[in-house]
């Protein structure tokens, strides 16, 4: 999965927001990943800044 754009956006956000996100859980530090930057959604479907699509099974 390509997250290059999300990584760049996280680095930019980290200069303005501690950790780059609004919650420590959303920083993905405990699972050592890069949080995707969601740019749009439709129903249970989400898309990130890199064009990857996700299905929200939790409804949050």
C-alpha atoms as a PDB file:
ATOM      1  CA  UNK A   1       0.000   0.000   0.000  1.00  0.00           C
ATOM      2  CA  UNK A   2       1.421   3.348  -1.023  1.00  0.00           C
ATOM      3  CA  UNK A   3       1.301   5.988   1.739  1.00  0.00           C
ATOM      4  CA  UNK A   4       3.946   8.407   0.409  1.00  0.00           C
ATOM      5  CA  UNK A   5       1.566  11.386   0.283  1.00  0.00           C
ATOM      6  CA  UNK A   6       0.166  10.552   3.739  1.00  0.00           C
ATOM      7  CA  UNK A   7       3.737  10.409   5.101  1.00  0.00           C
ATOM      8  CA  UNK A   8       4.475  13.846   3.642  1.00  0.00           C
ATOM      9  CA  UNK A   9       1.226  15.252   5.051  1.00  0.00           C
ATOM     10  CA  UNK A  10       2.008  13.753   8.478  1.00  0.00           C
ATOM     11  CA  UNK A  11       5.442  15.424   8.482  1.00  0.00           C
ATOM     12  CA  UNK A  12       3.826  18.739   7.564  1.00  0.00           C
ATOM     13  CA  UNK A  13       1.108  18.353  10.203  1.00  0.00           C
ATOM     14  CA  UNK A  14       3.708  17.460  12.870  1.00  0.00           C
ATOM     15  CA  UNK A  15       5.146  20.961  12.515  1.00  0.00           C
ATOM     16  CA  UNK A  16       1.762  22.410  13.544  1.00  0.00           C
ATOM     17  CA  UNK A  17       0.108  19.762  15.737  1.00  0.00           C
ATOM     18  CA  UNK A  18       1.942  17.692  18.390  1.00  0.00           C
ATOM     19  CA  UNK A  19       2.363  14.235  16.870  1.00  0.00           C
ATOM     20  CA  UNK A  20       0.774  15.425  13.639  1.00  0.00           C
ATOM     21  CA  UNK A  21      -2.709  14.206  14.630  1.00  0.00           C
ATOM     22  CA  UNK A  22      -5.437  15.182  17.095  1.00  0.00           C
ATOM     23  CA  UNK A  23      -5.171  12.029  19.242  1.00  0.00           C
ATOM     24  CA  UNK A  24      -2.265   9.820  20.364  1.00  0.00           C
ATOM     25  CA  UNK A  25      -4.249   6.765  19.237  1.00  0.00           C
ATOM     26  CA  UNK A  26      -4.504   8.165  15.702  1.00  0.00           C
ATOM     27  CA  UNK A  27      -0.723   8.581  15.511  1.00  0.00           C
ATOM     28  CA  UNK A  28      -0.346   4.798  14.945  1.00  0.00           C
ATOM     29  CA  UNK A  29       2.762   4.750  17.162  1.00  0.00           C
ATOM     30  CA  UNK A  30       1.730   1.574  18.990  1.00  0.00           C
ATOM     31  CA  UNK A  31       1.467  -0.319  15.686  1.00  0.00           C
ATOM     32  CA  UNK A  32       4.375   1.438  13.941  1.00  0.00           C
ATOM     33  CA  UNK A  33       2.479   2.626  10.905  1.00  0.00           C
ATOM     34  CA  UNK A  34       1.627   5.802   9.060  1.00  0.00           C
ATOM     35  CA  UNK A  35      -1.894   7.100   9.565  1.00  0.00           C
ATOM     36  CA  UNK A  36      -3.676   7.556   6.247  1.00  0.00           C
ATOM     37  CA  UNK A  37      -4.905  11.076   5.528  1.00  0.00           C
ATOM     38  CA  UNK A  38      -8.543  10.619   4.562  1.00  0.00           C
ATOM     39  CA  UNK A  39      -9.641  13.058   1.865  1.00  0.00           C
ATOM     40  CA  UNK A  40     -13.175  11.873   1.128  1.00  0.00           C
ATOM     41  CA  UNK A  41     -15.828   9.383   2.051  1.00  0.00           C
ATOM     42  CA  UNK A  42     -19.063   8.008   0.682  1.00  0.00           C
ATOM     43  CA  UNK A  43     -21.150   5.770   2.908  1.00  0.00           C
ATOM     44  CA  UNK A  44     -18.804   3.224   4.473  1.00  0.00           C
ATOM     45  CA  UNK A  45     -16.103   3.863   1.856  1.00  0.00           C
ATOM     46  CA  UNK A  46     -13.107   6.138   2.515  1.00  0.00           C
ATOM     47  CA  UNK A  47     -10.233   7.293   0.308  1.00  0.00           C
ATOM     48  CA  UNK A  48      -6.892   8.648   1.449  1.00  0.00           C
ATOM     49  CA  UNK A  49      -4.568  11.229  -0.089  1.00  0.00           C
ATOM     50  CA  UNK A  50      -2.687   8.426  -1.856  1.00  0.00           C
ATOM     51  CA  UNK A  51      -5.775   7.067  -3.622  1.00  0.00           C
ATOM     52  CA  UNK A  52      -6.112   3.961  -1.417  1.00  0.00           C
ATOM     53  CA  UNK A  53      -9.681   2.969  -0.548  1.00  0.00           C
ATOM     54  CA  UNK A  54     -10.915   1.578   2.762  1.00  0.00           C
ATOM     55  CA  UNK A  55     -14.175   0.181   4.118  1.00  0.00           C
ATOM     56  CA  UNK A  56     -15.255   1.411   7.561  1.00  0.00           C
ATOM     57  CA  UNK A  57     -16.531  -1.713   9.315  1.00  0.00           C
ATOM     58  CA  UNK A  58     -16.789   0.082  12.677  1.00  0.00           C
ATOM     59  CA  UNK A  59     -18.895   3.033  11.579  1.00  0.00           C
ATOM     60  CA  UNK A  60     -16.757   5.693  13.193  1.00  0.00           C
END
